[in-house]
Amino acid sequence: MKGTLDKVAAVTGSASGVGAAVAAELADQGWDVFGVDLDEPGAGHEGVAADLTRREGNQLAIDRALDRFGRIDAVVANAGFQHVASIEEMPEDVWEAIIALLLTSPFLLAKYSWPHLVASGAGRFVVISSAHGLVASPFKAPYVSAKHGAIGLVKTMALEAADHGITATAVCPSYVRTPLLESQIAAQAAAHNISEERVLGVIP
């Protein structure tokens, strides 16, 4: 069903968790939503499967949204994943993949969508960062580094975009009970030598 606002938002990580909630809320508000995720874009909106750790995947996401709707008024860069390990034990390929998805992908999405956000007259670029973009935790070096970097990217983008009617925003939520968080519980318990209940804050 076509949205009522004649506005198009591309949302990454749209198949589950925060991305699915953002996509659903935008659709409820009357936006046309184009979802992007690794395997399938999720229910309730159109979209494409794309590997956003690769330059080609980010270009594909923007191109397909334009092919379908002819415009882009907002981008929500939300896709991400996590890996819990010490710096000594962190696999180099995991570091590279997390940096690619959480930091390089928002940059590429901004680059490829920029002229269309300008043409919108009121373009919006939102990065779902994290409380870990503001403070650090042990055993999450690539995630914390990428989230800090994403906030720097948004600040730079806001300065460059101000004269073009584009706003750039970083959202920094704390823990949200999503599949991403669920996948970390056992790893966090093992890394800190505590119970899974303690990780969730059930035990004071």
N, C-alpha and C. Protein backbone atom coordinates (compact mmCIF):
# COMPACT_ATOMS: atom_id res chain seq x y z
N MET A 1 0.84 -1.19 0.00
CA MET A 1 0.00 0.00 0.00
C MET A 1 0.88 1.24 0.00
N LYS A 2 0.56 2.19 -0.88
CA LYS A 2 1.36 3.40 -0.99
C LYS A 2 1.12 4.30 0.21
N GLY A 3 2.21 4.94 0.67
CA GLY A 3 2.08 5.85 1.79
C GLY A 3 1.31 7.10 1.41
N THR A 4 0.87 7.82 2.42
CA THR A 4 0.04 9.00 2.20
C THR A 4 0.83 10.30 2.18
N LEU A 5 2.12 10.26 2.52
CA LEU A 5 2.90 11.49 2.64
C LEU A 5 3.71 11.83 1.40
N ASP A 6 3.79 10.91 0.43
CA ASP A 6 4.67 11.08 -0.72
C ASP A 6 6.11 11.29 -0.26
N LYS A 7 6.51 10.52 0.73
CA LYS A 7 7.86 10.55 1.26
C LYS A 7 8.39 9.12 1.32
N VAL A 8 9.68 8.96 1.01
CA VAL A 8 10.29 7.63 0.94
C VAL A 8 11.45 7.56 1.92
N ALA A 9 11.47 6.51 2.73
CA ALA A 9 12.56 6.27 3.67
C ALA A 9 13.19 4.91 3.38
N ALA A 10 14.51 4.89 3.29
CA ALA A 10 15.26 3.64 3.20
C ALA A 10 15.75 3.29 4.59
N VAL A 11 15.46 2.08 5.05
CA VAL A 11 15.80 1.65 6.40
C VAL A 11 16.63 0.38 6.31
N THR A 12 17.84 0.40 6.86
CA THR A 12 18.68 -0.80 6.84
C THR A 12 18.51 -1.59 8.14
N GLY A 13 18.79 -2.89 8.05
CA GLY A 13 18.53 -3.75 9.20
C GLY A 13 17.05 -3.85 9.48
N SER A 14 16.25 -3.87 8.42
CA SER A 14 14.80 -3.71 8.54
C SER A 14 14.05 -5.00 8.84
N ALA A 15 14.75 -6.13 8.87
CA ALA A 15 14.05 -7.41 9.03
C ALA A 15 13.68 -7.73 10.47
N SER A 16 14.36 -7.10 11.44
CA SER A 16 14.08 -7.44 12.84
C SER A 16 14.53 -6.31 13.75
N GLY A 17 14.19 -6.44 15.02
CA GLY A 17 14.68 -5.53 16.04
C GLY A 17 14.30 -4.08 15.81
N VAL A 18 15.25 -3.19 16.10
CA VAL A 18 15.01 -1.75 15.99
C VAL A 18 14.64 -1.37 14.56
N GLY A 19 15.32 -1.94 13.58
CA GLY A 19 15.03 -1.60 12.19
C GLY A 19 13.61 -1.93 11.79
N ALA A 20 13.12 -3.09 12.20
CA ALA A 20 11.74 -3.47 11.89
C ALA A 20 10.76 -2.52 12.56
N ALA A 21 11.06 -2.12 13.80
CA ALA A 21 10.18 -1.20 14.51
C ALA A 21 10.17 0.17 13.85
N VAL A 22 11.34 0.64 13.42
CA VAL A 22 11.41 1.93 12.72
C VAL A 22 10.63 1.88 11.41
N ALA A 23 10.83 0.80 10.65
CA ALA A 23 10.12 0.67 9.38
C ALA A 23 8.61 0.66 9.58
N ALA A 24 8.15 -0.07 10.60
CA ALA A 24 6.71 -0.15 10.87
C ALA A 24 6.15 1.20 11.30
N GLU A 25 6.89 1.92 12.13
CA GLU A 25 6.43 3.23 12.59
C GLU A 25 6.35 4.23 11.44
N LEU A 26 7.37 4.24 10.59
CA LEU A 26 7.34 5.14 9.44
C LEU A 26 6.16 4.82 8.52
N ALA A 27 5.93 3.53 8.28
CA ALA A 27 4.80 3.14 7.44
C ALA A 27 3.48 3.59 8.07
N ASP A 28 3.36 3.45 9.39
CA ASP A 28 2.14 3.88 10.07
C ASP A 28 1.94 5.39 9.94
N GLN A 29 3.04 6.13 9.85
CA GLN A 29 2.95 7.59 9.71
C GLN A 29 2.71 8.03 8.28
N GLY A 30 2.69 7.09 7.34
CA GLY A 30 2.37 7.43 5.96
C GLY A 30 3.54 7.46 5.00
N TRP A 31 4.73 7.04 5.47
CA TRP A 31 5.89 6.98 4.59
C TRP A 31 5.84 5.72 3.72
N ASP A 32 6.42 5.80 2.54
CA ASP A 32 6.77 4.61 1.78
C ASP A 32 8.12 4.14 2.30
N VAL A 33 8.21 2.88 2.69
CA VAL A 33 9.43 2.35 3.31
C VAL A 33 10.08 1.34 2.38
N PHE A 34 11.38 1.51 2.19
CA PHE A 34 12.17 0.55 1.43
C PHE A 34 13.18 -0.07 2.40
N GLY A 35 12.98 -1.34 2.71
CA GLY A 35 13.82 -2.02 3.68
C GLY A 35 15.03 -2.68 3.04
N VAL A 36 16.10 -2.77 3.81
CA VAL A 36 17.33 -3.41 3.35
C VAL A 36 17.85 -4.29 4.48
N ASP A 37 18.11 -5.56 4.16
CA ASP A 37 18.71 -6.45 5.15
C ASP A 37 19.52 -7.51 4.40
N LEU A 38 20.29 -8.28 5.15
CA LEU A 38 21.24 -9.19 4.52
C LEU A 38 20.56 -10.30 3.72
N ASP A 39 19.54 -10.92 4.29
CA ASP A 39 18.91 -12.06 3.62
C ASP A 39 17.55 -11.71 3.02
N GLU A 40 16.75 -10.97 3.73
CA GLU A 40 15.46 -10.50 3.22
C GLU A 40 15.06 -9.27 4.03
N PRO A 41 14.33 -8.34 3.41
CA PRO A 41 14.13 -7.03 4.04
C PRO A 41 13.06 -6.95 5.10
N GLY A 42 12.37 -8.06 5.38
CA GLY A 42 11.35 -8.04 6.41
C GLY A 42 9.96 -7.87 5.83
N ALA A 43 8.98 -7.98 6.71
CA ALA A 43 7.58 -7.95 6.30
C ALA A 43 7.00 -6.55 6.39
N GLY A 44 5.96 -6.30 5.60
CA GLY A 44 5.21 -5.06 5.70
C GLY A 44 5.75 -3.91 4.88
N HIS A 45 6.80 -4.15 4.10
CA HIS A 45 7.35 -3.09 3.26
C HIS A 45 8.13 -3.73 2.11
N GLU A 46 8.39 -2.95 1.10
CA GLU A 46 9.21 -3.43 -0.01
C GLU A 46 10.68 -3.29 0.35
N GLY A 47 11.55 -3.93 -0.44
CA GLY A 47 12.96 -3.80 -0.13
C GLY A 47 13.83 -4.73 -0.93
N VAL A 48 15.06 -4.89 -0.46
CA VAL A 48 16.05 -5.70 -1.17
C VAL A 48 17.00 -6.33 -0.16
N ALA A 49 17.51 -7.51 -0.51
CA ALA A 49 18.57 -8.13 0.27
C ALA A 49 19.91 -7.61 -0.25
N ALA A 50 20.76 -7.16 0.65
CA ALA A 50 22.05 -6.60 0.24
C ALA A 50 23.06 -6.77 1.35
N ASP A 51 24.31 -7.00 0.97
CA ASP A 51 25.42 -7.10 1.92
C ASP A 51 26.01 -5.70 2.09
N LEU A 52 25.68 -5.06 3.20
CA LEU A 52 26.10 -3.68 3.42
C LEU A 52 27.53 -3.57 3.94
N THR A 53 28.22 -4.70 4.09
CA THR A 53 29.65 -4.62 4.39
C THR A 53 30.45 -4.38 3.12
N ARG A 54 29.78 -4.38 1.98
CA ARG A 54 30.44 -4.18 0.70
C ARG A 54 29.92 -2.91 0.02
N ARG A 55 30.81 -2.24 -0.68
CA ARG A 55 30.43 -1.01 -1.37
C ARG A 55 29.26 -1.25 -2.32
N GLU A 56 29.32 -2.38 -3.04
CA GLU A 56 28.28 -2.68 -4.02
C GLU A 56 26.91 -2.85 -3.37
N GLY A 57 26.89 -3.41 -2.16
CA GLY A 57 25.62 -3.60 -1.47
C GLY A 57 24.96 -2.29 -1.10
N ASN A 58 25.75 -1.31 -0.69
CA ASN A 58 25.20 0.00 -0.34
C ASN A 58 24.69 0.72 -1.58
N GLN A 59 25.44 0.62 -2.67
CA GLN A 59 24.98 1.24 -3.92
C GLN A 59 23.68 0.58 -4.40
N LEU A 60 23.62 -0.75 -4.28
CA LEU A 60 22.42 -1.48 -4.68
C LEU A 60 21.21 -1.02 -3.88
N ALA A 61 21.39 -0.84 -2.58
CA ALA A 61 20.27 -0.44 -1.73
C ALA A 61 19.67 0.89 -2.19
N ILE A 62 20.53 1.87 -2.44
CA ILE A 62 20.04 3.18 -2.87
C ILE A 62 19.45 3.10 -4.28
N ASP A 63 20.13 2.40 -5.17
CA ASP A 63 19.64 2.30 -6.55
C ASP A 63 18.27 1.63 -6.62
N ARG A 64 18.08 0.56 -5.85
CA ARG A 64 16.80 -0.15 -5.90
C ARG A 64 15.68 0.69 -5.29
N ALA A 65 15.98 1.44 -4.25
CA ALA A 65 14.97 2.33 -3.67
C ALA A 65 14.55 3.38 -4.69
N LEU A 66 15.52 3.92 -5.41
CA LEU A 66 15.20 4.92 -6.44
C LEU A 66 14.45 4.29 -7.61
N ASP A 67 14.84 3.09 -7.99
CA ASP A 67 14.13 2.40 -9.07
C ASP A 67 12.66 2.21 -8.72
N ARG A 68 12.40 1.89 -7.46
CA ARG A 68 11.03 1.60 -7.05
C ARG A 68 10.20 2.86 -6.83
N PHE A 69 10.78 3.87 -6.18
CA PHE A 69 9.98 5.02 -5.76
C PHE A 69 10.36 6.33 -6.45
N GLY A 70 11.54 6.38 -7.06
CA GLY A 70 11.93 7.59 -7.79
C GLY A 70 12.46 8.71 -6.92
N ARG A 71 12.54 8.50 -5.63
CA ARG A 71 13.04 9.53 -4.72
C ARG A 71 13.44 8.88 -3.40
N ILE A 72 14.26 9.60 -2.64
CA ILE A 72 14.59 9.21 -1.27
C ILE A 72 14.58 10.48 -0.43
N ASP A 73 13.77 10.46 0.61
CA ASP A 73 13.67 11.62 1.51
C ASP A 73 14.36 11.38 2.85
N ALA A 74 14.58 10.13 3.19
CA ALA A 74 15.22 9.82 4.47
C ALA A 74 15.94 8.49 4.37
N VAL A 75 17.04 8.41 5.10
CA VAL A 75 17.78 7.15 5.24
C VAL A 75 17.97 6.90 6.73
N VAL A 76 17.64 5.69 7.16
CA VAL A 76 17.89 5.28 8.55
C VAL A 76 18.91 4.15 8.50
N ALA A 77 20.14 4.46 8.90
CA ALA A 77 21.24 3.48 8.88
C ALA A 77 21.25 2.76 10.22
N ASN A 78 20.69 1.58 10.24
CA ASN A 78 20.48 0.86 11.49
C ASN A 78 21.19 -0.50 11.53
N ALA A 79 21.52 -1.08 10.39
CA ALA A 79 22.04 -2.44 10.36
C ALA A 79 23.30 -2.59 11.22
N GLY A 80 23.41 -3.73 11.89
CA GLY A 80 24.59 -3.95 12.71
C GLY A 80 24.63 -5.36 13.26
N PHE A 81 25.78 -5.73 13.79
CA PHE A 81 25.90 -6.96 14.55
C PHE A 81 27.01 -6.78 15.57
N GLN A 82 27.15 -7.75 16.45
CA GLN A 82 28.04 -7.62 17.59
C GLN A 82 28.86 -8.89 17.75
N HIS A 83 30.04 -8.75 18.31
CA HIS A 83 30.87 -9.90 18.65
C HIS A 83 31.60 -9.56 19.95
N VAL A 84 31.50 -10.44 20.92
CA VAL A 84 32.08 -10.20 22.23
C VAL A 84 33.37 -11.00 22.37
N ALA A 85 34.48 -10.29 22.51
CA ALA A 85 35.79 -10.93 22.70
C ALA A 85 36.78 -9.87 23.13
N SER A 86 37.84 -10.30 23.77
CA SER A 86 38.90 -9.36 24.14
C SER A 86 39.63 -8.89 22.89
N ILE A 87 40.37 -7.80 23.02
CA ILE A 87 41.16 -7.32 21.89
C ILE A 87 42.12 -8.40 21.41
N GLU A 88 42.74 -9.10 22.35
CA GLU A 88 43.70 -10.14 22.00
C GLU A 88 43.05 -11.25 21.19
N GLU A 89 41.79 -11.57 21.51
CA GLU A 89 41.13 -12.70 20.87
C GLU A 89 40.16 -12.31 19.76
N MET A 90 40.00 -11.01 19.51
CA MET A 90 39.06 -10.56 18.48
C MET A 90 39.59 -10.91 17.09
N PRO A 91 38.84 -11.69 16.31
CA PRO A 91 39.30 -12.01 14.95
C PRO A 91 39.38 -10.76 14.08
N GLU A 92 40.44 -10.66 13.29
CA GLU A 92 40.60 -9.48 12.46
C GLU A 92 39.47 -9.32 11.45
N ASP A 93 38.96 -10.44 10.93
CA ASP A 93 37.89 -10.33 9.94
C ASP A 93 36.59 -9.84 10.59
N VAL A 94 36.39 -10.15 11.87
CA VAL A 94 35.22 -9.64 12.58
C VAL A 94 35.35 -8.14 12.78
N TRP A 95 36.55 -7.69 13.19
CA TRP A 95 36.80 -6.25 13.30
C TRP A 95 36.44 -5.55 11.99
N GLU A 96 36.96 -6.05 10.89
CA GLU A 96 36.74 -5.40 9.59
C GLU A 96 35.27 -5.40 9.21
N ALA A 97 34.56 -6.49 9.48
CA ALA A 97 33.15 -6.57 9.11
C ALA A 97 32.30 -5.61 9.94
N ILE A 98 32.58 -5.51 11.24
CA ILE A 98 31.79 -4.60 12.08
C ILE A 98 32.06 -3.15 11.70
N ILE A 99 33.31 -2.79 11.47
CA ILE A 99 33.62 -1.43 11.04
C ILE A 99 32.95 -1.13 9.70
N ALA A 100 32.96 -2.10 8.80
CA ALA A 100 32.35 -1.91 7.48
C ALA A 100 30.85 -1.66 7.59
N LEU A 101 30.18 -2.43 8.45
CA LEU A 101 28.72 -2.33 8.54
C LEU A 101 28.26 -1.15 9.38
N LEU A 102 28.95 -0.88 10.48
CA LEU A 102 28.48 0.14 11.41
C LEU A 102 29.03 1.54 11.14
N LEU A 103 30.13 1.63 10.39
CA LEU A 103 30.72 2.94 10.13
C LEU A 103 30.82 3.25 8.64
N THR A 104 31.41 2.33 7.87
CA THR A 104 31.57 2.61 6.45
C THR A 104 30.24 2.61 5.72
N SER A 105 29.33 1.70 6.07
CA SER A 105 28.03 1.67 5.40
C SER A 105 27.25 2.98 5.57
N PRO A 106 27.13 3.56 6.77
CA PRO A 106 26.45 4.86 6.85
C PRO A 106 27.09 5.94 5.98
N PHE A 107 28.44 5.94 5.91
CA PHE A 107 29.11 6.89 5.03
C PHE A 107 28.71 6.67 3.57
N LEU A 108 28.74 5.42 3.13
CA LEU A 108 28.41 5.13 1.73
C LEU A 108 26.95 5.43 1.43
N LEU A 109 26.06 5.08 2.34
CA LEU A 109 24.65 5.39 2.14
C LEU A 109 24.42 6.89 2.03
N ALA A 110 25.13 7.66 2.86
CA ALA A 110 25.02 9.12 2.78
C ALA A 110 25.56 9.62 1.45
N LYS A 111 26.70 9.11 1.05
CA LYS A 111 27.32 9.53 -0.22
C LYS A 111 26.40 9.26 -1.40
N TYR A 112 25.85 8.05 -1.46
CA TYR A 112 25.06 7.66 -2.62
C TYR A 112 23.67 8.30 -2.62
N SER A 113 23.14 8.60 -1.44
CA SER A 113 21.80 9.20 -1.37
C SER A 113 21.83 10.72 -1.35
N TRP A 114 23.00 11.31 -1.18
CA TRP A 114 23.13 12.76 -0.93
C TRP A 114 22.36 13.63 -1.94
N PRO A 115 22.57 13.47 -3.25
CA PRO A 115 21.85 14.36 -4.17
C PRO A 115 20.33 14.21 -4.08
N HIS A 116 19.87 13.05 -3.71
CA HIS A 116 18.43 12.81 -3.61
C HIS A 116 17.87 13.41 -2.32
N LEU A 117 18.66 13.38 -1.25
CA LEU A 117 18.24 14.04 -0.02
C LEU A 117 18.21 15.56 -0.22
N VAL A 118 19.17 16.08 -0.97
CA VAL A 118 19.16 17.52 -1.30
C VAL A 118 17.91 17.85 -2.11
N ALA A 119 17.63 17.03 -3.12
CA ALA A 119 16.47 17.27 -3.99
C ALA A 119 15.16 17.21 -3.21
N SER A 120 15.14 16.45 -2.13
CA SER A 120 13.93 16.35 -1.31
C SER A 120 13.54 17.70 -0.72
N GLY A 121 14.54 18.52 -0.42
CA GLY A 121 14.27 19.81 0.21
C GLY A 121 14.19 19.73 1.72
N ALA A 122 14.03 18.54 2.24
CA ALA A 122 13.97 18.34 3.69
C ALA A 122 14.48 16.94 4.01
N GLY A 123 15.65 16.61 3.46
CA GLY A 123 16.20 15.28 3.64
C GLY A 123 16.56 14.99 5.09
N ARG A 124 16.48 13.73 5.44
CA ARG A 124 16.80 13.30 6.80
C ARG A 124 17.74 12.10 6.72
N PHE A 125 18.83 12.16 7.49
CA PHE A 125 19.73 11.01 7.60
C PHE A 125 19.89 10.69 9.07
N VAL A 126 19.51 9.48 9.45
CA VAL A 126 19.54 9.06 10.85
C VAL A 126 20.43 7.83 10.98
N VAL A 127 21.38 7.90 11.88
CA VAL A 127 22.21 6.74 12.22
C VAL A 127 21.78 6.23 13.59
N ILE A 128 21.44 4.96 13.66
CA ILE A 128 21.17 4.36 14.97
C ILE A 128 22.52 3.98 15.55
N SER A 129 23.04 4.86 16.38
CA SER A 129 24.31 4.59 17.05
C SER A 129 24.00 3.79 18.31
N SER A 130 24.50 4.19 19.45
CA SER A 130 24.35 3.39 20.66
C SER A 130 24.90 4.18 21.83
N ALA A 131 24.51 3.78 23.03
CA ALA A 131 25.19 4.31 24.21
C ALA A 131 26.69 4.04 24.11
N HIS A 132 27.06 2.98 23.37
CA HIS A 132 28.47 2.68 23.16
C HIS A 132 29.14 3.63 22.18
N GLY A 133 28.38 4.54 21.61
CA GLY A 133 28.98 5.64 20.86
C GLY A 133 29.42 6.77 21.77
N LEU A 134 29.02 6.69 23.04
CA LEU A 134 29.33 7.74 24.01
C LEU A 134 30.27 7.26 25.11
N VAL A 135 30.16 5.99 25.46
CA VAL A 135 31.01 5.39 26.49
C VAL A 135 31.49 4.04 25.98
N ALA A 136 32.48 3.49 26.65
CA ALA A 136 33.06 2.21 26.22
C ALA A 136 32.69 1.09 27.18
N SER A 137 32.76 -0.13 26.67
CA SER A 137 32.66 -1.34 27.48
C SER A 137 33.78 -2.28 27.05
N PRO A 138 34.26 -3.11 27.96
CA PRO A 138 35.28 -4.08 27.55
C PRO A 138 34.70 -5.15 26.64
N PHE A 139 35.58 -5.79 25.88
CA PHE A 139 35.25 -6.93 25.03
C PHE A 139 34.38 -6.57 23.82
N LYS A 140 34.33 -5.29 23.47
CA LYS A 140 33.52 -4.86 22.33
C LYS A 140 34.28 -3.82 21.50
N ALA A 141 35.57 -4.03 21.30
CA ALA A 141 36.40 -3.00 20.66
C ALA A 141 35.88 -2.54 19.30
N PRO A 142 35.54 -3.44 18.38
CA PRO A 142 35.09 -2.95 17.07
C PRO A 142 33.75 -2.24 17.13
N TYR A 143 32.83 -2.75 17.94
CA TYR A 143 31.51 -2.14 18.06
C TYR A 143 31.60 -0.74 18.66
N VAL A 144 32.33 -0.61 19.76
CA VAL A 144 32.49 0.68 20.41
C VAL A 144 33.21 1.67 19.49
N SER A 145 34.24 1.20 18.81
CA SER A 145 34.99 2.08 17.90
C SER A 145 34.10 2.56 16.76
N ALA A 146 33.33 1.64 16.18
CA ALA A 146 32.47 2.01 15.06
C ALA A 146 31.38 2.98 15.49
N LYS A 147 30.79 2.74 16.66
CA LYS A 147 29.70 3.61 17.12
C LYS A 147 30.22 5.01 17.47
N HIS A 148 31.41 5.10 18.06
CA HIS A 148 32.01 6.42 18.28
C HIS A 148 32.27 7.11 16.94
N GLY A 149 32.79 6.36 15.99
CA GLY A 149 33.07 6.93 14.67
C GLY A 149 31.82 7.40 13.97
N ALA A 150 30.72 6.65 14.13
CA ALA A 150 29.47 7.02 13.47
C ALA A 150 28.96 8.37 13.98
N ILE A 151 29.16 8.64 15.27
CA ILE A 151 28.74 9.94 15.80
C ILE A 151 29.58 11.06 15.20
N GLY A 152 30.87 10.82 15.03
CA GLY A 152 31.71 11.81 14.35
C GLY A 152 31.27 12.03 12.92
N LEU A 153 30.89 10.96 12.24
CA LEU A 153 30.39 11.07 10.87
C LEU A 153 29.13 11.93 10.83
N VAL A 154 28.21 11.68 11.75
CA VAL A 154 26.96 12.44 11.79
C VAL A 154 27.22 13.92 12.06
N LYS A 155 28.14 14.23 12.95
CA LYS A 155 28.46 15.63 13.23
C LYS A 155 29.01 16.32 11.99
N THR A 156 29.89 15.63 11.27
CA THR A 156 30.44 16.19 10.04
C THR A 156 29.35 16.36 8.99
N MET A 157 28.50 15.35 8.87
CA MET A 157 27.41 15.40 7.90
C MET A 157 26.47 16.56 8.20
N ALA A 158 26.18 16.79 9.47
CA ALA A 158 25.27 17.87 9.84
C ALA A 158 25.82 19.22 9.42
N LEU A 159 27.13 19.41 9.57
CA LEU A 159 27.74 20.67 9.17
C LEU A 159 27.69 20.85 7.65
N GLU A 160 27.97 19.79 6.92
CA GLU A 160 27.97 19.88 5.46
C GLU A 160 26.56 19.99 4.89
N ALA A 161 25.59 19.44 5.61
CA ALA A 161 24.23 19.34 5.08
C ALA A 161 23.36 20.54 5.41
N ALA A 162 23.78 21.35 6.36
CA ALA A 162 22.90 22.40 6.89
C ALA A 162 22.40 23.35 5.81
N ASP A 163 23.25 23.67 4.85
CA ASP A 163 22.85 24.61 3.79
C ASP A 163 22.00 23.96 2.71
N HIS A 164 21.77 22.64 2.83
CA HIS A 164 21.01 21.92 1.81
C HIS A 164 19.67 21.42 2.33
N GLY A 165 19.29 21.84 3.51
CA GLY A 165 18.01 21.42 4.06
C GLY A 165 17.99 20.01 4.61
N ILE A 166 19.16 19.41 4.76
CA ILE A 166 19.25 18.05 5.29
C ILE A 166 19.62 18.12 6.77
N THR A 167 18.95 17.32 7.57
CA THR A 167 19.37 17.17 8.96
C THR A 167 19.99 15.79 9.14
N ALA A 168 21.01 15.72 9.97
CA ALA A 168 21.68 14.45 10.28
C ALA A 168 21.61 14.24 11.79
N THR A 169 21.21 13.04 12.18
CA THR A 169 20.95 12.75 13.59
C THR A 169 21.53 11.39 13.95
N ALA A 170 22.12 11.31 15.14
CA ALA A 170 22.54 10.03 15.70
C ALA A 170 21.65 9.74 16.90
N VAL A 171 21.08 8.55 16.93
CA VAL A 171 20.26 8.10 18.06
C VAL A 171 21.10 7.10 18.85
N CYS A 172 21.16 7.27 20.17
CA CYS A 172 22.06 6.47 21.00
C CYS A 172 21.29 5.71 22.07
N PRO A 173 20.58 4.65 21.69
CA PRO A 173 19.83 3.89 22.69
C PRO A 173 20.75 3.06 23.57
N SER A 174 20.26 2.74 24.75
CA SER A 174 20.93 1.77 25.61
C SER A 174 20.48 0.38 25.17
N TYR A 175 20.52 -0.60 26.07
CA TYR A 175 20.14 -1.96 25.69
C TYR A 175 18.68 -2.02 25.26
N VAL A 176 18.44 -2.67 24.13
CA VAL A 176 17.10 -2.92 23.62
C VAL A 176 16.99 -4.43 23.41
N ARG A 177 15.94 -5.04 23.91
CA ARG A 177 15.81 -6.51 23.86
C ARG A 177 15.47 -6.93 22.43
N THR A 178 16.50 -7.12 21.63
CA THR A 178 16.37 -7.50 20.22
C THR A 178 17.15 -8.79 19.99
N PRO A 179 17.02 -9.41 18.81
CA PRO A 179 17.85 -10.58 18.51
C PRO A 179 19.35 -10.31 18.65
N LEU A 180 19.78 -9.08 18.32
CA LEU A 180 21.19 -8.73 18.48
C LEU A 180 21.62 -8.84 19.94
N LEU A 181 20.80 -8.31 20.84
CA LEU A 181 21.12 -8.39 22.26
C LEU A 181 21.05 -9.83 22.76
N GLU A 182 20.02 -10.55 22.34
CA GLU A 182 19.87 -11.94 22.78
C GLU A 182 21.11 -12.76 22.45
N SER A 183 21.69 -12.49 21.28
CA SER A 183 22.85 -13.27 20.85
C SER A 183 24.09 -12.98 21.68
N GLN A 184 24.08 -11.88 22.45
CA GLN A 184 25.25 -11.50 23.23
C GLN A 184 25.22 -12.02 24.67
N ILE A 185 24.06 -12.44 25.14
CA ILE A 185 23.91 -12.70 26.57
C ILE A 185 24.88 -13.76 27.07
N ALA A 186 24.93 -14.90 26.40
CA ALA A 186 25.82 -15.98 26.83
C ALA A 186 27.28 -15.56 26.73
N ALA A 187 27.62 -14.85 25.64
CA ALA A 187 29.01 -14.42 25.46
C ALA A 187 29.42 -13.42 26.53
N GLN A 188 28.52 -12.51 26.88
CA GLN A 188 28.83 -11.54 27.93
C GLN A 188 28.99 -12.22 29.28
N ALA A 189 28.13 -13.20 29.56
CA ALA A 189 28.23 -13.92 30.82
C ALA A 189 29.58 -14.63 30.93
N ALA A 190 30.00 -15.26 29.83
CA ALA A 190 31.28 -15.97 29.83
C ALA A 190 32.45 -15.00 29.96
N ALA A 191 32.38 -13.88 29.24
CA ALA A 191 33.48 -12.92 29.26
C ALA A 191 33.67 -12.30 30.64
N HIS A 192 32.56 -12.08 31.36
CA HIS A 192 32.63 -11.42 32.67
C HIS A 192 32.56 -12.41 33.83
N ASN A 193 32.41 -13.71 33.49
CA ASN A 193 32.33 -14.76 34.51
C ASN A 193 31.17 -14.50 35.48
N ILE A 194 30.01 -14.19 34.91
CA ILE A 194 28.81 -14.00 35.70
C ILE A 194 27.67 -14.78 35.04
N SER A 195 26.53 -14.84 35.71
CA SER A 195 25.39 -15.57 35.16
C SER A 195 24.71 -14.75 34.07
N GLU A 196 23.94 -15.45 33.23
CA GLU A 196 23.18 -14.74 32.21
C GLU A 196 22.13 -13.84 32.84
N GLU A 197 21.58 -14.24 33.98
CA GLU A 197 20.61 -13.40 34.67
C GLU A 197 21.25 -12.09 35.13
N ARG A 198 22.49 -12.18 35.57
CA ARG A 198 23.20 -10.97 36.01
C ARG A 198 23.45 -10.04 34.83
N VAL A 199 23.75 -10.61 33.68
CA VAL A 199 23.94 -9.80 32.47
C VAL A 199 22.69 -8.97 32.20
N LEU A 200 21.54 -9.57 32.37
CA LEU A 200 20.28 -8.88 32.10
C LEU A 200 19.86 -7.96 33.24
N GLY A 201 20.62 -7.97 34.32
CA GLY A 201 20.30 -7.09 35.43
C GLY A 201 19.20 -7.61 36.32
N VAL A 202 18.87 -8.92 36.18
CA VAL A 202 17.82 -9.48 37.02
C VAL A 202 18.28 -9.57 38.46
N ILE A 203 19.56 -9.93 38.65
CA ILE A 203 20.12 -10.03 40.00
C ILE A 203 20.87 -8.74 40.30
N PRO A 204 20.53 -8.04 41.37
CA PRO A 204 21.19 -6.77 41.69
C PRO A 204 22.69 -6.95 41.89
